[in-house]
Amino acid sequence: MKALSLLIAEDESLIRLDIKEMLEAAGHRVCADTGNGEQAVQLAKRFKPDLAILDVMMPGLDGIEVARVLHTLNIPTVLLTAYSQPKYINRAEKVFVYGYLVKPVKEKEVLPALQIAYARWQEMQNVRQDLKNTENKLQNQKLLTRAKALLALQLGISEYEAHQYMTRLAMDRRMTLERLAEDIIQGDGTIIS
């Protein structure tokens, strides 16, 4: 596992110090630590850690609420708590938490949990990027299809011939097919002249 930049938000200072030492001994870097939920949000915005470890019960915002905010900042979180009741777990599920550790924690539990949480988050990032790429391709295909149909209708040719015409025209004008398609759809009259 690569060394991670971590934020620790735990209101019990001794536990926070133990976790910090454990993580740094394992080669990770604790970029910030706090015992307050509101301060955890501010530190996350400032330092942009790879991952945050959050206690569920903290002054200010609780860890689950902090996790919700960090999700909007694209920072994965692992919750650390003495509470394993279903109501906390159910709340945690709804805010995209990537791990849930029950105190007292041991190094042999924390390090694998962080590794798996970070790996799941990276997978989610890849899925989101793939989805975005697919959506862009679909939008471009719709744009090209619409432009071909308009051009075919205007010139009285087949869509295949319109596509060939568009390809040549885009090359001649040194522009992308997508940009040419936008111009055709806008219908400024200069495309087919």
N, C-alpha and C. Protein backbone atom coordinates (compact mmCIF):
# COMPACT_ATOMS: atom_id res chain seq x y z
N MET A 1 0.84 -1.19 0.00
CA MET A 1 0.00 0.00 0.00
C MET A 1 0.88 1.24 0.00
N LYS A 2 0.48 2.21 -0.80
CA LYS A 2 1.23 3.46 -0.82
C LYS A 2 1.03 4.20 0.49
N ALA A 3 1.97 5.04 0.82
CA ALA A 3 1.86 5.86 2.02
C ALA A 3 0.75 6.89 1.79
N LEU A 4 -0.16 6.98 2.74
CA LEU A 4 -1.29 7.88 2.62
C LEU A 4 -1.12 9.11 3.49
N SER A 5 -1.72 10.19 3.06
CA SER A 5 -1.84 11.39 3.87
C SER A 5 -3.18 11.26 4.60
N LEU A 6 -3.14 11.31 5.95
CA LEU A 6 -4.34 11.01 6.72
C LEU A 6 -4.73 12.14 7.66
N LEU A 7 -6.02 12.28 7.85
CA LEU A 7 -6.60 13.17 8.85
C LEU A 7 -7.21 12.29 9.93
N ILE A 8 -6.89 12.58 11.18
CA ILE A 8 -7.49 11.85 12.30
C ILE A 8 -8.34 12.82 13.10
N ALA A 9 -9.61 12.46 13.30
CA ALA A 9 -10.50 13.26 14.13
C ALA A 9 -11.04 12.33 15.22
N GLU A 10 -10.51 12.49 16.40
CA GLU A 10 -10.85 11.65 17.56
C GLU A 10 -10.79 12.54 18.78
N ASP A 11 -11.88 12.60 19.55
CA ASP A 11 -11.92 13.54 20.68
C ASP A 11 -11.14 13.06 21.91
N GLU A 12 -10.77 11.81 21.98
CA GLU A 12 -9.94 11.32 23.09
C GLU A 12 -8.48 11.42 22.66
N SER A 13 -7.78 12.37 23.26
CA SER A 13 -6.43 12.70 22.82
C SER A 13 -5.45 11.53 22.90
N LEU A 14 -5.56 10.68 23.91
CA LEU A 14 -4.65 9.53 24.01
C LEU A 14 -4.87 8.54 22.88
N ILE A 15 -6.13 8.28 22.57
CA ILE A 15 -6.43 7.37 21.45
C ILE A 15 -5.93 7.99 20.14
N ARG A 16 -6.17 9.28 19.98
CA ARG A 16 -5.72 9.98 18.77
C ARG A 16 -4.21 9.88 18.62
N LEU A 17 -3.47 10.08 19.71
CA LEU A 17 -2.02 9.99 19.68
C LEU A 17 -1.55 8.57 19.36
N ASP A 18 -2.20 7.57 19.96
CA ASP A 18 -1.86 6.17 19.68
C ASP A 18 -2.06 5.84 18.20
N ILE A 19 -3.17 6.27 17.66
CA ILE A 19 -3.46 6.00 16.24
C ILE A 19 -2.45 6.71 15.35
N LYS A 20 -2.15 7.95 15.69
CA LYS A 20 -1.18 8.72 14.91
C LYS A 20 0.18 8.01 14.89
N GLU A 21 0.65 7.60 16.05
CA GLU A 21 1.94 6.91 16.13
C GLU A 21 1.91 5.59 15.35
N MET A 22 0.81 4.85 15.47
CA MET A 22 0.66 3.58 14.76
C MET A 22 0.73 3.80 13.25
N LEU A 23 0.04 4.80 12.76
CA LEU A 23 0.00 5.07 11.32
C LEU A 23 1.34 5.58 10.80
N GLU A 24 1.97 6.46 11.54
CA GLU A 24 3.27 6.98 11.11
C GLU A 24 4.33 5.89 11.15
N ALA A 25 4.27 4.98 12.12
CA ALA A 25 5.21 3.86 12.17
C ALA A 25 5.03 2.94 10.97
N ALA A 26 3.82 2.91 10.43
CA ALA A 26 3.54 2.07 9.26
C ALA A 26 3.88 2.79 7.96
N GLY A 27 4.40 4.03 8.04
CA GLY A 27 4.84 4.75 6.85
C GLY A 27 3.85 5.77 6.31
N HIS A 28 2.73 5.96 6.98
CA HIS A 28 1.76 6.95 6.55
C HIS A 28 2.10 8.31 7.16
N ARG A 29 1.49 9.36 6.61
CA ARG A 29 1.73 10.70 7.13
C ARG A 29 0.41 11.27 7.64
N VAL A 30 0.38 11.63 8.90
CA VAL A 30 -0.80 12.28 9.46
C VAL A 30 -0.64 13.78 9.21
N CYS A 31 -1.43 14.28 8.27
CA CYS A 31 -1.31 15.70 7.88
C CYS A 31 -2.00 16.61 8.87
N ALA A 32 -2.97 16.07 9.63
CA ALA A 32 -3.67 16.88 10.62
C ALA A 32 -4.43 15.96 11.56
N ASP A 33 -4.61 16.44 12.79
CA ASP A 33 -5.45 15.71 13.73
C ASP A 33 -6.17 16.70 14.63
N THR A 34 -7.34 16.28 15.10
CA THR A 34 -8.19 17.14 15.90
C THR A 34 -9.13 16.30 16.74
N GLY A 35 -9.77 16.94 17.69
CA GLY A 35 -10.78 16.28 18.50
C GLY A 35 -12.16 16.88 18.29
N ASN A 36 -12.32 17.68 17.24
CA ASN A 36 -13.55 18.42 17.00
C ASN A 36 -14.02 18.21 15.56
N GLY A 37 -15.30 17.92 15.40
CA GLY A 37 -15.84 17.64 14.07
C GLY A 37 -15.80 18.82 13.12
N GLU A 38 -16.15 20.01 13.61
CA GLU A 38 -16.12 21.19 12.74
C GLU A 38 -14.69 21.51 12.30
N GLN A 39 -13.76 21.36 13.22
CA GLN A 39 -12.36 21.61 12.88
C GLN A 39 -11.87 20.54 11.89
N ALA A 40 -12.37 19.32 12.00
CA ALA A 40 -11.99 18.26 11.06
C ALA A 40 -12.36 18.65 9.63
N VAL A 41 -13.53 19.24 9.46
CA VAL A 41 -13.95 19.69 8.13
C VAL A 41 -13.00 20.76 7.61
N GLN A 42 -12.66 21.73 8.46
CA GLN A 42 -11.76 22.81 8.04
C GLN A 42 -10.37 22.26 7.69
N LEU A 43 -9.87 21.33 8.50
CA LEU A 43 -8.56 20.73 8.23
C LEU A 43 -8.59 19.92 6.93
N ALA A 44 -9.68 19.23 6.68
CA ALA A 44 -9.80 18.46 5.43
C ALA A 44 -9.77 19.38 4.23
N LYS A 45 -10.47 20.50 4.32
CA LYS A 45 -10.46 21.47 3.21
C LYS A 45 -9.06 22.04 3.00
N ARG A 46 -8.36 22.25 4.09
CA ARG A 46 -7.02 22.85 4.00
C ARG A 46 -5.97 21.87 3.50
N PHE A 47 -5.96 20.65 4.05
CA PHE A 47 -4.88 19.71 3.75
C PHE A 47 -5.23 18.67 2.68
N LYS A 48 -6.51 18.48 2.38
CA LYS A 48 -6.96 17.52 1.37
C LYS A 48 -6.28 16.14 1.54
N PRO A 49 -6.55 15.49 2.66
CA PRO A 49 -5.92 14.18 2.91
C PRO A 49 -6.42 13.12 1.95
N ASP A 50 -5.65 12.04 1.83
CA ASP A 50 -6.08 10.90 1.02
C ASP A 50 -7.25 10.19 1.66
N LEU A 51 -7.30 10.21 3.00
CA LEU A 51 -8.33 9.49 3.73
C LEU A 51 -8.46 10.10 5.12
N ALA A 52 -9.66 10.03 5.69
CA ALA A 52 -9.89 10.55 7.04
C ALA A 52 -10.40 9.44 7.94
N ILE A 53 -9.89 9.44 9.17
CA ILE A 53 -10.35 8.51 10.20
C ILE A 53 -11.12 9.36 11.21
N LEU A 54 -12.40 9.04 11.38
CA LEU A 54 -13.27 9.90 12.17
C LEU A 54 -13.95 9.13 13.30
N ASP A 55 -13.88 9.69 14.50
CA ASP A 55 -14.64 9.16 15.62
C ASP A 55 -16.10 9.54 15.40
N VAL A 56 -17.01 8.65 15.74
CA VAL A 56 -18.43 8.95 15.56
C VAL A 56 -18.87 10.06 16.50
N MET A 57 -18.51 9.98 17.77
CA MET A 57 -18.97 10.96 18.75
C MET A 57 -17.87 11.99 19.02
N MET A 58 -18.08 13.20 18.53
CA MET A 58 -17.14 14.30 18.75
C MET A 58 -17.93 15.57 19.01
N PRO A 59 -17.30 16.53 19.68
CA PRO A 59 -17.96 17.83 19.82
C PRO A 59 -18.03 18.53 18.46
N GLY A 60 -18.96 19.44 18.36
CA GLY A 60 -19.15 20.12 17.07
C GLY A 60 -20.02 19.21 16.21
N LEU A 61 -19.54 18.81 15.08
CA LEU A 61 -20.23 17.84 14.23
C LEU A 61 -19.81 16.43 14.62
N ASP A 62 -20.75 15.49 14.58
CA ASP A 62 -20.34 14.11 14.85
C ASP A 62 -19.64 13.54 13.61
N GLY A 63 -18.96 12.43 13.80
CA GLY A 63 -18.15 11.85 12.72
C GLY A 63 -18.94 11.48 11.49
N ILE A 64 -20.18 11.07 11.67
CA ILE A 64 -21.01 10.69 10.51
C ILE A 64 -21.35 11.93 9.69
N GLU A 65 -21.64 13.04 10.36
CA GLU A 65 -21.91 14.27 9.64
C GLU A 65 -20.65 14.79 8.95
N VAL A 66 -19.51 14.68 9.62
CA VAL A 66 -18.24 15.07 9.01
C VAL A 66 -17.99 14.21 7.76
N ALA A 67 -18.26 12.91 7.86
CA ALA A 67 -18.07 12.00 6.72
C ALA A 67 -18.94 12.43 5.54
N ARG A 68 -20.17 12.87 5.82
CA ARG A 68 -21.06 13.35 4.76
C ARG A 68 -20.44 14.56 4.05
N VAL A 69 -19.89 15.49 4.82
CA VAL A 69 -19.26 16.67 4.24
C VAL A 69 -18.01 16.27 3.46
N LEU A 70 -17.20 15.39 4.02
CA LEU A 70 -15.96 14.98 3.33
C LEU A 70 -16.26 14.24 2.04
N HIS A 71 -17.38 13.53 2.00
CA HIS A 71 -17.77 12.86 0.75
C HIS A 71 -17.96 13.90 -0.36
N THR A 72 -18.54 15.04 -0.03
CA THR A 72 -18.73 16.08 -1.05
C THR A 72 -17.40 16.68 -1.48
N LEU A 73 -16.37 16.53 -0.63
CA LEU A 73 -15.02 17.00 -0.96
C LEU A 73 -14.18 15.90 -1.62
N ASN A 74 -14.81 14.74 -1.84
CA ASN A 74 -14.16 13.58 -2.46
C ASN A 74 -13.01 13.05 -1.59
N ILE A 75 -13.24 13.00 -0.28
CA ILE A 75 -12.28 12.45 0.66
C ILE A 75 -12.92 11.23 1.32
N PRO A 76 -12.37 10.05 1.12
CA PRO A 76 -12.96 8.85 1.74
C PRO A 76 -12.74 8.84 3.24
N THR A 77 -13.65 8.17 3.94
CA THR A 77 -13.57 8.14 5.40
C THR A 77 -13.73 6.73 5.94
N VAL A 78 -13.10 6.53 7.10
CA VAL A 78 -13.29 5.33 7.91
C VAL A 78 -13.73 5.82 9.27
N LEU A 79 -14.82 5.24 9.79
CA LEU A 79 -15.30 5.64 11.10
C LEU A 79 -14.67 4.78 12.17
N LEU A 80 -14.41 5.41 13.29
CA LEU A 80 -13.81 4.78 14.45
C LEU A 80 -14.74 5.07 15.61
N THR A 81 -15.23 4.03 16.29
CA THR A 81 -16.23 4.29 17.30
C THR A 81 -16.30 3.20 18.36
N ALA A 82 -16.84 3.55 19.49
CA ALA A 82 -17.14 2.58 20.54
C ALA A 82 -18.57 2.07 20.36
N TYR A 83 -19.27 2.62 19.39
CA TYR A 83 -20.69 2.29 19.18
C TYR A 83 -20.86 1.38 17.97
N SER A 84 -21.38 0.19 18.21
CA SER A 84 -21.62 -0.72 17.09
C SER A 84 -23.11 -0.98 16.90
N GLN A 85 -23.95 -0.13 17.49
CA GLN A 85 -25.38 -0.31 17.36
C GLN A 85 -25.82 -0.06 15.91
N PRO A 86 -26.86 -0.76 15.50
CA PRO A 86 -27.36 -0.62 14.12
C PRO A 86 -27.69 0.81 13.72
N LYS A 87 -28.18 1.64 14.64
CA LYS A 87 -28.56 3.01 14.24
C LYS A 87 -27.35 3.80 13.75
N TYR A 88 -26.18 3.56 14.33
CA TYR A 88 -24.97 4.26 13.86
C TYR A 88 -24.49 3.67 12.54
N ILE A 89 -24.54 2.37 12.45
CA ILE A 89 -24.12 1.71 11.21
C ILE A 89 -25.03 2.12 10.05
N ASN A 90 -26.33 2.18 10.30
CA ASN A 90 -27.28 2.59 9.25
C ASN A 90 -27.02 4.03 8.80
N ARG A 91 -26.74 4.91 9.75
CA ARG A 91 -26.42 6.30 9.38
C ARG A 91 -25.13 6.34 8.56
N ALA A 92 -24.15 5.55 8.97
CA ALA A 92 -22.86 5.53 8.27
C ALA A 92 -23.01 5.03 6.84
N GLU A 93 -23.89 4.07 6.62
CA GLU A 93 -24.11 3.54 5.26
C GLU A 93 -24.61 4.62 4.31
N LYS A 94 -25.35 5.56 4.83
CA LYS A 94 -25.98 6.58 3.99
C LYS A 94 -25.05 7.72 3.61
N VAL A 95 -23.84 7.75 4.16
CA VAL A 95 -22.92 8.86 3.86
C VAL A 95 -21.64 8.37 3.19
N PHE A 96 -21.67 7.20 2.58
CA PHE A 96 -20.54 6.69 1.81
C PHE A 96 -19.28 6.51 2.64
N VAL A 97 -19.41 5.93 3.82
CA VAL A 97 -18.26 5.59 4.65
C VAL A 97 -17.64 4.32 4.07
N TYR A 98 -16.32 4.26 4.02
CA TYR A 98 -15.63 3.12 3.41
C TYR A 98 -15.13 2.11 4.43
N GLY A 99 -15.31 2.38 5.71
CA GLY A 99 -14.92 1.43 6.73
C GLY A 99 -15.49 1.83 8.07
N TYR A 100 -15.60 0.86 8.98
CA TYR A 100 -16.20 1.10 10.30
C TYR A 100 -15.45 0.23 11.29
N LEU A 101 -14.66 0.85 12.15
CA LEU A 101 -13.88 0.13 13.15
C LEU A 101 -14.43 0.40 14.54
N VAL A 102 -14.52 -0.66 15.34
CA VAL A 102 -15.03 -0.54 16.70
C VAL A 102 -13.84 -0.54 17.66
N LYS A 103 -13.85 0.45 18.59
CA LYS A 103 -12.78 0.56 19.59
C LYS A 103 -12.90 -0.58 20.60
N PRO A 104 -11.83 -0.98 21.20
CA PRO A 104 -10.46 -0.51 21.00
C PRO A 104 -9.89 -1.11 19.71
N VAL A 105 -9.16 -0.31 18.97
CA VAL A 105 -8.60 -0.78 17.70
C VAL A 105 -7.16 -1.22 17.89
N LYS A 106 -6.79 -2.16 17.05
CA LYS A 106 -5.42 -2.68 17.07
C LYS A 106 -4.81 -2.44 15.70
N GLU A 107 -3.50 -2.33 15.67
CA GLU A 107 -2.80 -2.08 14.42
C GLU A 107 -3.16 -3.11 13.37
N LYS A 108 -3.26 -4.37 13.77
CA LYS A 108 -3.56 -5.43 12.80
C LYS A 108 -4.96 -5.28 12.20
N GLU A 109 -5.82 -4.46 12.82
CA GLU A 109 -7.15 -4.20 12.27
C GLU A 109 -7.18 -2.89 11.47
N VAL A 110 -6.50 -1.88 11.99
CA VAL A 110 -6.56 -0.55 11.39
C VAL A 110 -5.90 -0.52 10.01
N LEU A 111 -4.70 -1.02 9.91
CA LEU A 111 -3.97 -0.91 8.65
C LEU A 111 -4.66 -1.64 7.50
N PRO A 112 -5.13 -2.89 7.69
CA PRO A 112 -5.87 -3.53 6.59
C PRO A 112 -7.17 -2.79 6.26
N ALA A 113 -7.85 -2.28 7.28
CA ALA A 113 -9.10 -1.55 7.04
C ALA A 113 -8.86 -0.31 6.20
N LEU A 114 -7.76 0.40 6.48
CA LEU A 114 -7.43 1.59 5.70
C LEU A 114 -7.07 1.23 4.27
N GLN A 115 -6.30 0.17 4.11
CA GLN A 115 -5.89 -0.27 2.78
C GLN A 115 -7.10 -0.64 1.94
N ILE A 116 -8.01 -1.41 2.52
CA ILE A 116 -9.20 -1.82 1.78
C ILE A 116 -10.10 -0.62 1.49
N ALA A 117 -10.27 0.25 2.48
CA ALA A 117 -11.12 1.43 2.29
C ALA A 117 -10.58 2.30 1.15
N TYR A 118 -9.28 2.52 1.15
CA TYR A 118 -8.69 3.36 0.10
C TYR A 118 -8.81 2.69 -1.27
N ALA A 119 -8.61 1.38 -1.30
CA ALA A 119 -8.74 0.65 -2.57
C ALA A 119 -10.17 0.72 -3.10
N ARG A 120 -11.18 0.57 -2.22
CA ARG A 120 -12.59 0.66 -2.65
C ARG A 120 -12.89 2.06 -3.16
N TRP A 121 -12.35 3.07 -2.49
CA TRP A 121 -12.56 4.44 -2.94
C TRP A 121 -11.94 4.67 -4.32
N GLN A 122 -10.73 4.16 -4.52
CA GLN A 122 -10.09 4.29 -5.83
C GLN A 122 -10.91 3.60 -6.91
N GLU A 123 -11.43 2.42 -6.60
CA GLU A 123 -12.29 1.72 -7.57
C GLU A 123 -13.50 2.57 -7.92
N MET A 124 -14.10 3.19 -6.91
CA MET A 124 -15.25 4.05 -7.14
C MET A 124 -14.87 5.24 -8.03
N GLN A 125 -13.69 5.79 -7.83
CA GLN A 125 -13.24 6.89 -8.67
C GLN A 125 -13.10 6.44 -10.12
N ASN A 126 -12.56 5.23 -10.32
CA ASN A 126 -12.40 4.69 -11.67
C ASN A 126 -13.75 4.47 -12.33
N VAL A 127 -14.71 3.95 -11.57
CA VAL A 127 -16.06 3.73 -12.10
C VAL A 127 -16.69 5.06 -12.49
N ARG A 128 -16.55 6.06 -11.64
CA ARG A 128 -17.10 7.38 -11.95
C ARG A 128 -16.48 7.96 -13.22
N GLN A 129 -15.16 7.80 -13.37
CA GLN A 129 -14.49 8.32 -14.55
C GLN A 129 -14.94 7.57 -15.80
N ASP A 130 -15.07 6.26 -15.69
CA ASP A 130 -15.56 5.46 -16.82
C ASP A 130 -16.97 5.88 -17.21
N LEU A 131 -17.81 6.11 -16.22
CA LEU A 131 -19.17 6.55 -16.49
C LEU A 131 -19.18 7.91 -17.18
N LYS A 132 -18.35 8.81 -16.69
CA LYS A 132 -18.26 10.15 -17.30
C LYS A 132 -17.79 10.05 -18.75
N ASN A 133 -16.77 9.21 -19.01
CA ASN A 133 -16.27 9.02 -20.37
C ASN A 133 -17.35 8.44 -21.27
N THR A 134 -18.10 7.48 -20.75
CA THR A 134 -19.17 6.86 -21.53
C THR A 134 -20.26 7.88 -21.84
N GLU A 135 -20.63 8.69 -20.85
CA GLU A 135 -21.64 9.73 -21.08
C GLU A 135 -21.17 10.73 -22.13
N ASN A 136 -19.89 11.11 -22.08
CA ASN A 136 -19.35 12.04 -23.09
C ASN A 136 -19.39 11.43 -24.48
N LYS A 137 -19.01 10.17 -24.57
CA LYS A 137 -19.05 9.49 -25.88
C LYS A 137 -20.48 9.42 -26.42
N LEU A 138 -21.42 9.13 -25.54
CA LEU A 138 -22.81 9.05 -25.96
C LEU A 138 -23.31 10.42 -26.43
N GLN A 139 -22.98 11.47 -25.70
CA GLN A 139 -23.38 12.81 -26.10
C GLN A 139 -22.78 13.18 -27.46
N ASN A 140 -21.49 12.85 -27.64
CA ASN A 140 -20.84 13.14 -28.92
C ASN A 140 -21.48 12.35 -30.05
N GLN A 141 -21.83 11.10 -29.79
CA GLN A 141 -22.47 10.28 -30.82
C GLN A 141 -23.83 10.85 -31.20
N LYS A 142 -24.59 11.30 -30.19
CA LYS A 142 -25.89 11.92 -30.46
C LYS A 142 -25.72 13.19 -31.29
N LEU A 143 -24.72 13.98 -30.95
CA LEU A 143 -24.43 15.21 -31.67
C LEU A 143 -24.10 14.92 -33.14
N LEU A 144 -23.22 13.94 -33.35
CA LEU A 144 -22.83 13.58 -34.73
C LEU A 144 -24.01 13.03 -35.52
N THR A 145 -24.81 12.21 -34.89
CA THR A 145 -25.97 11.62 -35.57
C THR A 145 -26.96 12.71 -35.98
N ARG A 146 -27.21 13.64 -35.09
CA ARG A 146 -28.14 14.73 -35.41
C ARG A 146 -27.59 15.61 -36.54
N ALA A 147 -26.30 15.92 -36.46
CA ALA A 147 -25.69 16.76 -37.50
C ALA A 147 -25.70 16.06 -38.86
N LYS A 148 -25.40 14.75 -38.86
CA LYS A 148 -25.45 14.00 -40.13
C LYS A 148 -26.84 14.03 -40.74
N ALA A 149 -27.85 13.84 -39.90
CA ALA A 149 -29.23 13.84 -40.40
C ALA A 149 -29.60 15.20 -40.97
N LEU A 150 -29.23 16.27 -40.28
CA LEU A 150 -29.52 17.62 -40.78
C LEU A 150 -28.80 17.90 -42.09
N LEU A 151 -27.52 17.54 -42.15
CA LEU A 151 -26.73 17.77 -43.35
C LEU A 151 -27.27 16.95 -44.53
N ALA A 152 -27.63 15.71 -44.26
CA ALA A 152 -28.18 14.84 -45.30
C ALA A 152 -29.47 15.44 -45.86
N LEU A 153 -30.30 15.95 -44.97
CA LEU A 153 -31.55 16.56 -45.39
C LEU A 153 -31.31 17.83 -46.20
N GLN A 154 -30.37 18.66 -45.74
CA GLN A 154 -30.07 19.93 -46.44
C GLN A 154 -29.48 19.68 -47.82
N LEU A 155 -28.61 18.68 -47.93
CA LEU A 155 -27.92 18.45 -49.20
C LEU A 155 -28.59 17.39 -50.07
N GLY A 156 -29.59 16.72 -49.53
CA GLY A 156 -30.27 15.67 -50.29
C GLY A 156 -29.38 14.46 -50.55
N ILE A 157 -28.60 14.09 -49.56
CA ILE A 157 -27.69 12.93 -49.69
C ILE A 157 -27.98 11.96 -48.55
N SER A 158 -27.35 10.79 -48.61
CA SER A 158 -27.53 9.80 -47.53
C SER A 158 -26.74 10.23 -46.30
N GLU A 159 -27.09 9.64 -45.15
CA GLU A 159 -26.34 9.94 -43.93
C GLU A 159 -24.90 9.45 -44.04
N TYR A 160 -24.70 8.36 -44.76
CA TYR A 160 -23.33 7.87 -44.97
C TYR A 160 -22.51 8.91 -45.74
N GLU A 161 -23.10 9.45 -46.80
CA GLU A 161 -22.41 10.49 -47.57
C GLU A 161 -22.22 11.76 -46.73
N ALA A 162 -23.20 12.07 -45.89
CA ALA A 162 -23.08 13.24 -45.02
C ALA A 162 -21.93 13.05 -44.03
N HIS A 163 -21.78 11.83 -43.55
CA HIS A 163 -20.68 11.55 -42.62
C HIS A 163 -19.33 11.71 -43.34
N GLN A 164 -19.22 11.19 -44.54
CA GLN A 164 -17.98 11.34 -45.31
C GLN A 164 -17.69 12.83 -45.57
N TYR A 165 -18.72 13.56 -45.93
CA TYR A 165 -18.58 14.99 -46.19
C TYR A 165 -18.10 15.71 -44.93
N MET A 166 -18.71 15.39 -43.80
CA MET A 166 -18.32 16.01 -42.53
C MET A 166 -16.87 15.68 -42.17
N THR A 167 -16.46 14.45 -42.41
CA THR A 167 -15.09 14.04 -42.09
C THR A 167 -14.09 14.85 -42.92
N ARG A 168 -14.36 14.96 -44.22
CA ARG A 168 -13.46 15.74 -45.09
C ARG A 168 -13.44 17.21 -44.67
N LEU A 169 -14.61 17.76 -44.40
CA LEU A 169 -14.72 19.16 -44.03
C LEU A 169 -14.00 19.44 -42.70
N ALA A 170 -14.16 18.56 -41.74
CA ALA A 170 -13.48 18.73 -40.45
C ALA A 170 -11.97 18.69 -40.64
N MET A 171 -11.49 17.78 -41.49
CA MET A 171 -10.05 17.71 -41.75
C MET A 171 -9.57 18.97 -42.45
N ASP A 172 -10.31 19.43 -43.45
CA ASP A 172 -9.92 20.63 -44.18
C ASP A 172 -9.87 21.86 -43.25
N ARG A 173 -10.80 21.92 -42.35
CA ARG A 173 -10.87 23.07 -41.44
C ARG A 173 -10.08 22.86 -40.14
N ARG A 174 -9.47 21.70 -40.03
CA ARG A 174 -8.68 21.36 -38.84
C ARG A 174 -9.47 21.56 -37.55
N MET A 175 -10.62 20.91 -37.54
CA MET A 175 -11.47 20.96 -36.36
C MET A 175 -12.00 19.55 -36.08
N THR A 176 -12.46 19.35 -34.89
CA THR A 176 -13.00 18.03 -34.55
C THR A 176 -14.36 17.85 -35.19
N LEU A 177 -14.73 16.60 -35.37
CA LEU A 177 -16.07 16.30 -35.89
C LEU A 177 -17.14 16.85 -34.95
N GLU A 178 -16.89 16.78 -33.67
CA GLU A 178 -17.86 17.27 -32.70
C GLU A 178 -18.09 18.77 -32.86
N ARG A 179 -17.01 19.51 -33.04
CA ARG A 179 -17.14 20.97 -33.22
C ARG A 179 -17.88 21.29 -34.52
N LEU A 180 -17.54 20.56 -35.57
CA LEU A 180 -18.24 20.75 -36.84
C LEU A 180 -19.71 20.42 -36.69
N ALA A 181 -20.02 19.34 -35.98
CA ALA A 181 -21.42 18.95 -35.75
C ALA A 181 -22.17 20.05 -35.01
N GLU A 182 -21.54 20.66 -34.03
CA GLU A 182 -22.17 21.77 -33.31
C GLU A 182 -22.49 22.92 -34.26
N ASP A 183 -21.54 23.22 -35.14
CA ASP A 183 -21.76 24.30 -36.12
C ASP A 183 -22.91 23.97 -37.06
N ILE A 184 -22.99 22.72 -37.48
CA ILE A 184 -24.07 22.30 -38.38
C ILE A 184 -25.41 22.43 -37.68
N ILE A 185 -25.48 22.00 -36.44
CA ILE A 185 -26.73 22.05 -35.69
C ILE A 185 -27.15 23.50 -35.43
N GLN A 186 -26.17 24.38 -35.19
CA GLN A 186 -26.49 25.79 -34.97
C GLN A 186 -27.00 26.42 -36.25
N GLY A 187 -26.65 25.82 -37.39
CA GLY A 187 -27.20 26.22 -38.68
C GLY A 187 -26.86 27.61 -39.13
N ASP A 188 -25.58 27.98 -39.04
CA ASP A 188 -25.20 29.34 -39.45
C ASP A 188 -25.04 29.49 -40.96
N GLY A 189 -25.23 28.41 -41.72
CA GLY A 189 -25.19 28.50 -43.17
C GLY A 189 -23.81 28.47 -43.79
N THR A 190 -22.75 28.55 -43.03
CA THR A 190 -21.40 28.56 -43.59
C THR A 190 -20.84 27.15 -43.76
N ILE A 191 -21.49 26.17 -43.22
CA ILE A 191 -20.95 24.81 -43.26
C ILE A 191 -20.98 24.27 -44.68
N ILE A 192 -22.09 24.40 -45.35
CA ILE A 192 -22.20 23.76 -46.66
C ILE A 192 -21.85 24.70 -47.81
N SER A 193 -21.38 25.89 -47.50
CA SER A 193 -21.00 26.80 -48.58
C SER A 193 -19.57 26.56 -49.00
